[in-house]
Amino acid sequence: MPRATRLAIRGVLTDIDDTLTTHGRLPAEAYAALERLSAAGKLVVPITGRPAGWCDHIARMWPVDAVVGENGAFAMRYDRRSRKLEKRFIDDDATRRANRARLTAIGDSILRAVPGSALASDQLYRESDLAIDYREDAPELPREAVDRIVALMEAEGMTAKVSSIHVNGWFGAYDKLSMTRRLFAEAFDTDLDATRERFVFVGDSPNDAPLFAYFPNAVGVANVRAFAERIPVLPAYVTEREGGAGFAELAAFILG
């Protein structure tokens, strides 16, 4: 990354699983990197497939400016002056309630059809999507089984995306990028289309593909190579280290 580009970076947007985390844990060096970026005045926004329950905590407790969760179903931002958590969902309460009943039935059907698959342990904390575990708590499934889960979701009219640990499915055409653009316009008065070169997005897996394609300075932590054949547009840059260590490497580079 050219020095002039690095010096112009205004903020860092980041996936969480296997980008901030390493083997399922958030290492101290990655969390400290978030703090250093925030203290340096950089805008910091995690963009994740993790559930609303987790994102409530992240928005309140982490050194971040906002969080996008459930692959773009919502954004949350904690206003520290008013001590109020602001939530912005794509769908209204009634639609989410109706969809959750459908998601439960589809999840049960997938578990019967794909031996070894399991509901993600965080499913109870989700507002808008269905997460099928294929390698977090469940024994790792072969690629054919993962593709079968995707096909079953799509047959039900769902959008399906593969992360490094789950297959996530939901009703609607939104994704991580669409909610991120909305968040920046509404919360930060920023037109990402006009300023995308001023931001870095860092991720590791196929559900990060829209953001890798959108941001000219997108970065993959080193383990992104494991999914290279499943990501249509690869990030412009790749760290030398994996997971949280790779994120810390990127933060140190941006901050000089």
Protein backbone atom coordinates (compact mmCIF):
# COMPACT_ATOMS: atom_id res chain seq x y z
CA MET A 1 0.00 0.00 0.00
CA PRO A 2 1.51 3.34 -1.01
CA ARG A 3 2.48 5.69 1.80
CA ALA A 4 0.15 8.45 0.57
CA THR A 5 -2.78 6.02 0.66
CA ARG A 6 -1.90 4.88 4.17
CA LEU A 7 -1.64 8.43 5.48
CA ALA A 8 -5.08 9.31 4.04
CA ILE A 9 -6.92 6.42 5.75
CA ARG A 10 -9.79 7.81 7.81
CA GLY A 11 -11.15 4.59 9.27
CA VAL A 12 -11.01 0.80 9.52
CA LEU A 13 -13.97 -1.50 8.97
CA THR A 14 -13.42 -5.08 10.07
CA ASP A 15 -14.96 -8.51 10.11
CA ILE A 16 -14.74 -10.28 13.49
CA ASP A 17 -14.50 -14.08 13.21
CA ASP A 18 -11.04 -15.20 12.11
CA THR A 19 -10.18 -11.56 11.34
CA LEU A 20 -10.14 -10.02 14.80
CA THR A 21 -10.22 -13.44 16.44
CA THR A 22 -7.75 -16.32 16.27
CA HIS A 23 -9.02 -19.87 16.75
CA GLY A 24 -12.24 -18.52 18.23
CA ARG A 25 -10.71 -16.10 20.74
CA LEU A 26 -10.12 -12.36 20.69
CA PRO A 27 -6.40 -11.90 21.42
CA ALA A 28 -5.16 -8.97 23.46
CA GLU A 29 -3.11 -7.60 20.57
CA ALA A 30 -6.20 -7.35 18.34
CA TYR A 31 -8.30 -5.59 20.99
CA ALA A 32 -5.40 -3.26 21.77
CA ALA A 33 -5.16 -2.50 18.05
CA LEU A 34 -8.83 -1.42 18.08
CA GLU A 35 -8.07 0.89 21.00
CA ARG A 36 -5.03 2.39 19.28
CA LEU A 37 -6.97 3.07 16.10
CA SER A 38 -9.80 4.69 18.05
CA ALA A 39 -7.40 6.79 20.14
CA ALA A 40 -5.75 7.98 16.93
CA GLY A 41 -9.09 9.34 15.73
CA LYS A 42 -9.81 6.62 13.17
CA LEU A 43 -13.41 5.56 12.65
CA VAL A 44 -13.67 1.89 13.73
CA VAL A 45 -16.65 -0.26 12.71
CA PRO A 46 -16.89 -4.07 13.03
CA ILE A 47 -19.03 -5.61 10.27
CA THR A 48 -20.00 -9.13 11.21
CA GLY A 49 -22.35 -12.06 10.78
CA ARG A 50 -22.66 -12.34 14.56
CA PRO A 51 -26.03 -11.82 16.27
CA ALA A 52 -27.87 -8.82 17.66
CA GLY A 53 -27.19 -9.93 21.25
CA TRP A 54 -23.44 -9.85 20.65
CA CYS A 55 -23.60 -6.56 18.76
CA ASP A 56 -25.46 -4.84 21.60
CA HIS A 57 -22.47 -5.68 23.82
CA ILE A 58 -19.88 -4.74 21.17
CA ALA A 59 -21.45 -1.34 20.48
CA ARG A 60 -21.57 -0.52 24.20
CA MET A 61 -18.32 -2.03 25.47
CA TRP A 62 -15.73 -2.09 22.69
CA PRO A 63 -13.67 0.90 21.47
CA VAL A 64 -15.72 1.17 18.26
CA ASP A 65 -17.95 3.82 16.68
CA ALA A 66 -20.71 1.43 15.54
CA VAL A 67 -21.27 -2.19 14.52
CA VAL A 68 -23.08 -3.84 11.59
CA GLY A 69 -24.45 -7.28 12.46
CA GLU A 70 -26.13 -10.37 11.06
CA ASN A 71 -24.57 -9.72 7.66
CA GLY A 72 -26.25 -6.35 7.26
CA ALA A 73 -29.63 -6.87 8.95
CA PHE A 74 -28.96 -3.94 11.28
CA ALA A 75 -26.49 -1.40 12.59
CA MET A 76 -26.03 -0.39 16.23
CA ARG A 77 -24.32 2.67 17.63
CA TYR A 78 -23.92 3.69 21.27
CA ASP A 79 -24.23 7.41 21.97
CA ARG A 80 -21.99 7.87 25.01
CA ARG A 81 -23.23 11.37 25.75
CA SER A 82 -26.90 10.38 25.95
CA ARG A 83 -26.04 6.83 27.11
CA LYS A 84 -28.43 5.41 24.54
CA LEU A 85 -28.02 2.48 22.14
CA GLU A 86 -29.28 3.44 18.69
CA LYS A 87 -30.52 0.57 16.51
CA ARG A 88 -31.29 0.61 12.79
CA PHE A 89 -32.92 -2.54 11.35
CA ILE A 90 -33.71 -3.26 7.71
CA ASP A 91 -37.03 -4.94 8.63
CA ASP A 92 -39.64 -3.80 11.16
CA ASP A 93 -40.50 -5.75 14.32
CA ALA A 94 -43.51 -7.53 12.82
CA THR A 95 -41.56 -8.72 9.78
CA ARG A 96 -38.72 -10.00 11.94
CA ARG A 97 -41.14 -11.93 14.18
CA ALA A 98 -42.81 -13.56 11.17
CA ASN A 99 -39.49 -14.42 9.56
CA ARG A 100 -38.12 -16.01 12.73
CA ALA A 101 -40.88 -18.63 12.66
CA ARG A 102 -39.97 -19.50 9.07
CA LEU A 103 -36.26 -19.59 9.90
CA THR A 104 -36.87 -22.07 12.73
CA ALA A 105 -38.68 -24.47 10.40
CA ILE A 106 -36.04 -24.15 7.69
CA GLY A 107 -33.27 -24.72 10.23
CA ASP A 108 -34.90 -27.93 11.44
CA SER A 109 -35.19 -29.12 7.83
CA ILE A 110 -31.52 -28.39 7.10
CA LEU A 111 -30.34 -30.27 10.19
CA ARG A 112 -32.29 -33.33 9.03
CA ALA A 113 -30.97 -33.08 5.47
CA VAL A 114 -27.29 -32.44 6.24
CA PRO A 115 -25.87 -34.86 8.82
CA GLY A 116 -23.33 -33.25 11.14
CA SER A 117 -24.67 -29.73 10.74
CA ALA A 118 -25.94 -27.84 13.78
CA LEU A 119 -27.61 -24.59 14.71
CA ALA A 120 -25.01 -21.99 15.66
CA SER A 121 -24.69 -21.67 19.42
CA ASP A 122 -25.60 -17.98 19.11
CA GLN A 123 -28.84 -18.58 17.18
CA LEU A 124 -31.02 -17.64 20.18
CA TYR A 125 -29.57 -14.12 20.12
CA ARG A 126 -30.36 -13.48 16.44
CA GLU A 127 -33.05 -11.12 15.15
CA SER A 128 -33.05 -11.71 11.41
CA ASP A 129 -31.01 -14.64 10.17
CA LEU A 130 -30.41 -18.37 10.45
CA ALA A 131 -26.86 -19.52 11.21
CA ILE A 132 -25.89 -23.14 10.53
CA ASP A 133 -22.62 -24.20 12.14
CA TYR A 134 -20.29 -26.20 9.93
CA ARG A 135 -17.00 -25.84 11.80
CA GLU A 136 -17.23 -23.68 14.95
CA ASP A 137 -18.66 -26.06 17.58
CA ALA A 138 -19.68 -28.77 15.11
CA PRO A 139 -17.03 -31.05 13.57
CA GLU A 140 -15.85 -29.52 10.29
CA LEU A 141 -18.05 -30.53 7.35
CA PRO A 142 -16.74 -31.15 3.82
CA ARG A 143 -17.26 -28.50 1.17
CA GLU A 144 -20.01 -30.57 -0.44
CA ALA A 145 -22.07 -30.41 2.76
CA VAL A 146 -21.56 -26.64 3.02
CA ASP A 147 -22.72 -26.24 -0.59
CA ARG A 148 -25.76 -28.38 0.23
CA ILE A 149 -26.71 -26.06 3.10
CA VAL A 150 -26.41 -23.06 0.77
CA ALA A 151 -28.59 -24.77 -1.85
CA LEU A 152 -31.28 -25.65 0.69
CA MET A 153 -31.44 -22.05 1.91
CA GLU A 154 -31.61 -20.67 -1.61
CA ALA A 155 -34.38 -23.13 -2.48
CA GLU A 156 -36.43 -21.48 0.29
CA GLY A 157 -35.92 -18.06 -1.29
CA MET A 158 -33.22 -17.00 1.16
CA THR A 159 -29.96 -15.18 0.61
CA ALA A 160 -27.16 -17.49 1.78
CA LYS A 161 -23.55 -16.59 2.55
CA VAL A 162 -20.63 -18.67 3.81
CA SER A 163 -18.42 -17.34 6.60
CA SER A 164 -15.36 -19.04 8.04
CA ILE A 165 -17.55 -20.91 10.57
CA HIS A 166 -21.25 -20.65 9.60
CA VAL A 167 -23.60 -20.62 6.66
CA ASN A 168 -25.91 -17.65 7.22
CA GLY A 169 -29.28 -17.30 5.52
CA TRP A 170 -31.92 -14.58 5.57
CA PHE A 171 -34.90 -13.18 3.69
CA GLY A 172 -34.08 -10.04 1.73
CA ALA A 173 -31.49 -8.72 -0.69
CA TYR A 174 -29.37 -6.80 1.84
CA ASP A 175 -25.77 -7.65 2.73
CA LYS A 176 -22.89 -6.27 4.78
CA LEU A 177 -22.16 -3.56 2.23
CA SER A 178 -25.69 -2.18 1.83
CA MET A 179 -26.12 -1.60 5.58
CA THR A 180 -22.60 -0.19 5.91
CA ARG A 181 -23.34 2.42 3.26
CA ARG A 182 -26.60 3.32 5.02
CA LEU A 183 -24.89 3.54 8.41
CA PHE A 184 -22.20 5.90 7.12
CA ALA A 185 -24.74 8.16 5.44
CA GLU A 186 -27.09 8.35 8.43
CA ALA A 187 -24.72 8.23 11.40
CA PHE A 188 -21.51 9.76 10.07
CA ASP A 189 -22.78 12.02 7.25
CA THR A 190 -20.38 10.26 4.90
CA ASP A 191 -20.99 9.23 1.29
CA LEU A 192 -18.94 6.03 1.02
CA ASP A 193 -19.25 5.96 -2.76
CA ALA A 194 -17.33 9.23 -2.88
CA THR A 195 -14.83 8.45 -0.11
CA ARG A 196 -14.31 4.69 -0.17
CA GLU A 197 -10.56 5.06 -0.85
CA ARG A 198 -10.25 6.72 2.58
CA PHE A 199 -11.33 3.53 4.38
CA VAL A 200 -9.86 0.08 4.80
CA PHE A 201 -12.00 -3.01 5.13
CA VAL A 202 -10.34 -6.14 6.48
CA GLY A 203 -11.86 -9.63 6.34
CA ASP A 204 -11.18 -13.28 5.66
CA SER A 205 -14.03 -15.22 4.04
CA PRO A 206 -16.62 -15.42 1.20
CA ASN A 207 -19.29 -13.37 2.99
CA ASP A 208 -16.81 -10.47 2.92
CA ALA A 209 -16.71 -10.55 -0.89
CA PRO A 210 -19.00 -7.52 -1.50
CA LEU A 211 -16.74 -5.38 0.70
CA PHE A 212 -13.54 -6.70 -0.87
CA ALA A 213 -14.94 -5.69 -4.26
CA TYR A 214 -16.19 -2.30 -3.09
CA PHE A 215 -13.19 -0.94 -1.19
CA PRO A 216 -10.08 -0.32 -3.33
CA ASN A 217 -7.90 -0.67 -0.21
CA ALA A 218 -9.51 -3.86 1.12
CA VAL A 219 -7.22 -6.13 3.12
CA GLY A 220 -7.38 -9.84 3.84
CA VAL A 221 -5.72 -11.36 6.87
CA ALA A 222 -3.43 -14.17 5.73
CA ASN A 223 -6.01 -16.94 6.27
CA VAL A 224 -8.15 -15.44 3.49
CA ARG A 225 -6.09 -17.65 1.17
CA ALA A 226 -8.01 -20.71 2.43
CA PHE A 227 -11.12 -19.34 0.67
CA ALA A 228 -9.42 -17.75 -2.33
CA GLU A 229 -11.19 -19.93 -4.92
CA ARG A 230 -14.61 -19.02 -3.44
CA ILE A 231 -14.14 -15.23 -3.39
CA PRO A 232 -14.85 -13.64 -6.80
CA VAL A 233 -12.89 -10.43 -6.07
CA LEU A 234 -9.93 -10.82 -3.75
CA PRO A 235 -8.74 -7.99 -1.47
CA ALA A 236 -6.07 -5.67 -2.81
CA TYR A 237 -3.69 -6.46 0.06
CA VAL A 238 -2.99 -9.40 2.38
CA THR A 239 -1.29 -9.35 5.78
CA GLU A 240 1.63 -11.63 6.59
CA ARG A 241 -0.06 -12.97 9.74
CA GLU A 242 -3.40 -14.67 10.31
CA GLY A 243 -6.48 -13.71 12.33
CA GLY A 244 -6.09 -11.24 15.18
CA ALA A 245 -2.33 -11.03 14.69
CA GLY A 246 -2.95 -10.00 11.09
CA PHE A 247 -5.37 -7.30 12.21
CA ALA A 248 -2.82 -5.99 14.71
CA GLU A 249 -0.23 -5.97 11.90
CA LEU A 250 -2.57 -3.89 9.73
CA ALA A 251 -3.32 -1.41 12.55
CA ALA A 252 0.39 -0.92 13.23
CA PHE A 253 0.99 -0.31 9.53
CA ILE A 254 -1.83 2.26 9.24
CA LEU A 255 -0.69 4.09 12.35
CA GLY A 256 2.93 4.08 11.23
